[in-house]
N, C-alpha and C. Protein backbone atom coordinates (compact mmCIF):
# COMPACT_ATOMS: atom_id res chain seq x y z
N MET A 1 -32.31 -7.05 51.46
CA MET A 1 -32.41 -8.32 52.16
C MET A 1 -33.58 -8.30 53.15
N ASN A 2 -33.72 -7.19 53.89
CA ASN A 2 -34.81 -7.09 54.84
C ASN A 2 -36.17 -7.12 54.15
N LYS A 3 -36.27 -6.49 52.98
CA LYS A 3 -37.53 -6.48 52.24
C LYS A 3 -37.91 -7.89 51.81
N LEU A 4 -36.93 -8.67 51.42
CA LEU A 4 -37.18 -10.05 51.01
C LEU A 4 -37.65 -10.89 52.20
N LEU A 5 -37.04 -10.70 53.34
CA LEU A 5 -37.44 -11.42 54.55
C LEU A 5 -38.85 -11.05 54.98
N ILE A 6 -39.16 -9.78 54.91
CA ILE A 6 -40.50 -9.32 55.28
C ILE A 6 -41.53 -9.89 54.31
N ALA A 7 -41.24 -9.87 53.02
CA ALA A 7 -42.16 -10.41 52.02
C ALA A 7 -42.38 -11.90 52.21
N ALA A 8 -41.31 -12.64 52.50
CA ALA A 8 -41.43 -14.09 52.71
C ALA A 8 -42.26 -14.38 53.95
N THR A 9 -42.05 -13.63 55.01
CA THR A 9 -42.82 -13.82 56.24
C THR A 9 -44.29 -13.51 56.02
N ALA A 10 -44.58 -12.43 55.32
CA ALA A 10 -45.97 -12.06 55.02
C ALA A 10 -46.64 -13.14 54.18
N LEU A 11 -45.93 -13.69 53.23
CA LEU A 11 -46.48 -14.75 52.38
C LEU A 11 -46.82 -15.99 53.20
N MET A 12 -45.98 -16.34 54.14
CA MET A 12 -46.24 -17.51 54.99
C MET A 12 -47.50 -17.31 55.82
N PHE A 13 -47.69 -16.12 56.37
CA PHE A 13 -48.86 -15.88 57.20
C PHE A 13 -50.14 -15.81 56.38
N THR A 14 -50.10 -15.23 55.20
CA THR A 14 -51.31 -15.15 54.38
C THR A 14 -51.67 -16.50 53.81
N ALA A 15 -50.70 -17.33 53.47
CA ALA A 15 -51.00 -18.66 52.94
C ALA A 15 -51.65 -19.52 54.00
N GLY A 16 -51.27 -19.38 55.24
CA GLY A 16 -51.85 -20.16 56.32
C GLY A 16 -53.22 -19.68 56.74
N ALA A 17 -53.58 -18.46 56.36
CA ALA A 17 -54.86 -17.89 56.78
C ALA A 17 -56.03 -18.42 55.96
N TYR A 18 -55.76 -18.96 54.79
CA TYR A 18 -56.83 -19.44 53.93
C TYR A 18 -57.22 -20.87 54.29
N ALA A 19 -58.51 -21.09 54.53
CA ALA A 19 -59.00 -22.43 54.80
C ALA A 19 -59.22 -23.15 53.48
N ALA A 20 -59.18 -24.45 53.53
CA ALA A 20 -59.46 -25.24 52.33
C ALA A 20 -60.91 -24.99 51.90
N LYS A 21 -61.16 -25.07 50.61
CA LYS A 21 -62.49 -24.84 50.08
C LYS A 21 -62.98 -26.10 49.35
N PRO A 22 -64.29 -26.31 49.32
CA PRO A 22 -64.79 -27.46 48.57
C PRO A 22 -64.59 -27.28 47.08
N THR A 23 -64.11 -28.35 46.42
CA THR A 23 -63.92 -28.30 44.97
C THR A 23 -64.97 -29.13 44.25
N SER A 24 -65.51 -30.15 44.91
CA SER A 24 -66.59 -30.93 44.31
C SER A 24 -67.38 -31.64 45.40
N ILE A 25 -68.64 -31.91 45.08
CA ILE A 25 -69.53 -32.65 45.98
C ILE A 25 -70.13 -33.77 45.15
N THR A 26 -69.92 -35.02 45.60
CA THR A 26 -70.34 -36.18 44.83
C THR A 26 -71.31 -37.04 45.64
N TYR A 27 -72.42 -37.38 45.02
CA TYR A 27 -73.40 -38.28 45.64
C TYR A 27 -72.80 -39.68 45.73
N VAL A 28 -73.00 -40.34 46.89
CA VAL A 28 -72.48 -41.69 47.08
C VAL A 28 -73.62 -42.70 47.08
N LYS A 29 -74.56 -42.56 48.02
CA LYS A 29 -75.66 -43.52 48.12
C LYS A 29 -76.72 -43.03 49.09
N GLU A 30 -77.90 -43.69 49.04
CA GLU A 30 -78.94 -43.47 50.04
C GLU A 30 -78.86 -44.61 51.04
N VAL A 31 -79.06 -44.28 52.30
CA VAL A 31 -78.97 -45.27 53.37
C VAL A 31 -80.27 -45.29 54.15
N PRO A 32 -81.01 -46.41 54.12
CA PRO A 32 -82.22 -46.52 54.93
C PRO A 32 -81.86 -46.90 56.37
N LEU A 33 -82.57 -46.32 57.31
CA LEU A 33 -82.38 -46.64 58.73
C LEU A 33 -83.52 -47.50 59.23
N ALA A 34 -83.36 -48.08 60.39
CA ALA A 34 -84.36 -49.00 60.96
C ALA A 34 -85.69 -48.29 61.24
N ASN A 35 -85.66 -46.99 61.50
CA ASN A 35 -86.90 -46.26 61.83
C ASN A 35 -87.57 -45.67 60.58
N ASP A 36 -87.35 -46.27 59.42
CA ASP A 36 -87.92 -45.86 58.13
C ASP A 36 -87.45 -44.48 57.67
N GLU A 37 -86.38 -44.00 58.24
CA GLU A 37 -85.79 -42.74 57.81
C GLU A 37 -84.68 -43.04 56.80
N ILE A 38 -84.46 -42.14 55.87
CA ILE A 38 -83.43 -42.31 54.84
C ILE A 38 -82.56 -41.06 54.81
N TYR A 39 -81.26 -41.27 54.70
CA TYR A 39 -80.37 -40.14 54.47
C TYR A 39 -79.51 -40.44 53.26
N ALA A 40 -79.05 -39.38 52.61
CA ALA A 40 -78.18 -39.51 51.44
C ALA A 40 -76.76 -39.11 51.84
N GLU A 41 -75.80 -39.91 51.40
CA GLU A 41 -74.40 -39.65 51.74
C GLU A 41 -73.70 -39.02 50.54
N PHE A 42 -72.87 -38.00 50.81
CA PHE A 42 -72.10 -37.29 49.80
C PHE A 42 -70.65 -37.19 50.25
N VAL A 43 -69.72 -37.10 49.30
CA VAL A 43 -68.31 -36.89 49.60
C VAL A 43 -67.93 -35.52 49.06
N VAL A 44 -67.30 -34.72 49.92
CA VAL A 44 -66.82 -33.39 49.55
C VAL A 44 -65.31 -33.49 49.35
N LYS A 45 -64.83 -33.09 48.18
CA LYS A 45 -63.39 -32.99 47.95
C LYS A 45 -62.98 -31.55 48.21
N CYS A 46 -61.91 -31.40 49.00
CA CYS A 46 -61.45 -30.08 49.41
C CYS A 46 -60.20 -29.69 48.65
N SER A 47 -59.94 -28.39 48.58
CA SER A 47 -58.79 -27.88 47.83
C SER A 47 -57.45 -28.31 48.42
N ASP A 48 -57.45 -28.78 49.67
CA ASP A 48 -56.20 -29.26 50.27
C ASP A 48 -56.00 -30.76 50.09
N GLY A 49 -56.86 -31.41 49.29
CA GLY A 49 -56.72 -32.83 48.99
C GLY A 49 -57.51 -33.76 49.88
N GLN A 50 -58.13 -33.24 50.93
CA GLN A 50 -58.91 -34.08 51.83
C GLN A 50 -60.26 -34.42 51.22
N GLU A 51 -60.84 -35.52 51.68
CA GLU A 51 -62.21 -35.89 51.33
C GLU A 51 -62.98 -36.06 52.62
N LYS A 52 -64.15 -35.42 52.71
CA LYS A 52 -64.98 -35.46 53.91
C LYS A 52 -66.39 -35.90 53.54
N SER A 53 -67.08 -36.52 54.49
CA SER A 53 -68.46 -36.95 54.27
C SER A 53 -69.44 -35.94 54.84
N ILE A 54 -70.52 -35.71 54.08
CA ILE A 54 -71.67 -34.97 54.59
C ILE A 54 -72.90 -35.79 54.25
N THR A 55 -73.97 -35.57 54.98
CA THR A 55 -75.21 -36.31 54.74
C THR A 55 -76.38 -35.35 54.59
N ALA A 56 -77.35 -35.77 53.79
CA ALA A 56 -78.56 -34.99 53.57
C ALA A 56 -79.73 -35.73 54.21
N TRP A 57 -80.51 -35.01 54.99
CA TRP A 57 -81.66 -35.56 55.69
C TRP A 57 -82.92 -34.82 55.26
N ASP A 58 -84.08 -35.38 55.57
CA ASP A 58 -85.37 -34.73 55.31
C ASP A 58 -85.50 -34.29 53.85
N ASN A 59 -85.29 -35.24 52.94
CA ASN A 59 -85.38 -34.95 51.50
C ASN A 59 -84.47 -33.80 51.09
N ARG A 60 -83.25 -33.84 51.61
CA ARG A 60 -82.19 -32.87 51.30
C ARG A 60 -82.50 -31.45 51.76
N ARG A 61 -83.25 -31.34 52.85
CA ARG A 61 -83.51 -30.04 53.44
C ARG A 61 -82.56 -29.73 54.59
N THR A 62 -81.90 -30.76 55.14
CA THR A 62 -80.94 -30.60 56.24
C THR A 62 -79.65 -31.29 55.85
N TRP A 63 -78.53 -30.58 55.97
CA TRP A 63 -77.21 -31.09 55.60
C TRP A 63 -76.33 -31.15 56.83
N CYS A 64 -75.73 -32.32 57.10
CA CYS A 64 -74.97 -32.52 58.33
C CYS A 64 -73.57 -33.06 58.05
N GLN A 65 -72.68 -32.85 59.00
CA GLN A 65 -71.31 -33.35 58.93
C GLN A 65 -71.27 -34.84 59.28
N GLY A 66 -70.33 -35.56 58.72
CA GLY A 66 -70.15 -36.97 59.06
C GLY A 66 -71.11 -37.88 58.34
N THR A 67 -71.14 -39.13 58.80
CA THR A 67 -71.97 -40.15 58.17
C THR A 67 -72.94 -40.74 59.17
N GLY A 68 -74.23 -40.65 58.88
CA GLY A 68 -75.24 -41.31 59.67
C GLY A 68 -75.66 -40.62 60.95
N GLU A 69 -75.16 -39.44 61.22
CA GLU A 69 -75.55 -38.72 62.43
C GLU A 69 -75.96 -37.30 62.08
N ARG A 70 -76.85 -36.77 62.85
CA ARG A 70 -77.28 -35.39 62.65
C ARG A 70 -76.50 -34.49 63.60
N THR A 71 -75.27 -34.21 63.22
CA THR A 71 -74.44 -33.32 64.03
C THR A 71 -73.92 -32.20 63.14
N ASP A 72 -73.82 -31.02 63.71
CA ASP A 72 -73.30 -29.86 63.01
C ASP A 72 -74.03 -29.68 61.67
N CYS A 73 -75.33 -29.42 61.74
CA CYS A 73 -76.17 -29.36 60.54
C CYS A 73 -76.46 -27.93 60.11
N THR A 74 -76.83 -27.81 58.84
CA THR A 74 -77.20 -26.53 58.24
C THR A 74 -78.29 -26.79 57.20
N LYS A 75 -78.88 -25.72 56.69
CA LYS A 75 -79.94 -25.88 55.70
C LYS A 75 -79.43 -25.87 54.26
N LYS A 76 -78.15 -25.52 54.06
CA LYS A 76 -77.62 -25.44 52.70
C LYS A 76 -76.45 -26.39 52.50
N GLN A 77 -76.44 -27.05 51.35
CA GLN A 77 -75.38 -28.00 51.02
C GLN A 77 -74.01 -27.33 50.99
N ILE A 78 -73.92 -26.15 50.39
CA ILE A 78 -72.62 -25.49 50.25
C ILE A 78 -72.06 -25.10 51.61
N ASN A 79 -72.91 -24.69 52.53
CA ASN A 79 -72.43 -24.35 53.87
C ASN A 79 -71.89 -25.58 54.60
N ALA A 80 -72.56 -26.71 54.44
CA ALA A 80 -72.07 -27.96 55.05
C ALA A 80 -70.74 -28.37 54.43
N ALA A 81 -70.61 -28.19 53.12
CA ALA A 81 -69.36 -28.54 52.43
C ALA A 81 -68.22 -27.63 52.88
N LYS A 82 -68.48 -26.34 53.00
CA LYS A 82 -67.46 -25.40 53.47
C LYS A 82 -67.00 -25.76 54.88
N GLU A 83 -67.96 -26.07 55.74
CA GLU A 83 -67.63 -26.43 57.12
C GLU A 83 -66.82 -27.72 57.17
N ALA A 84 -67.13 -28.67 56.30
CA ALA A 84 -66.40 -29.93 56.27
C ALA A 84 -64.94 -29.72 55.88
N CYS A 85 -64.69 -28.77 55.00
CA CYS A 85 -63.33 -28.53 54.52
C CYS A 85 -62.49 -27.69 55.48
N LYS A 86 -63.10 -27.07 56.45
CA LYS A 86 -62.32 -26.24 57.40
C LYS A 86 -61.35 -27.07 58.18
């Protein structure tokens, strides 16, 4: 009985330790801004069922969280997607 309780407790803690991971990244649209700048919007689907937005700036050289703002940015799409799913 104690072994079963210990195993169940360990399973609960290990399942909670894993962050959601991106399962797909889908292009949505390009958005022109008033200052002649353009960003591309993408939707990241996460393994926990959530959908998050990321944006690409500077001809897809900078990837940022959210829509229309340059916050929490990185140089790689996959890193931005992973961060969005956390």
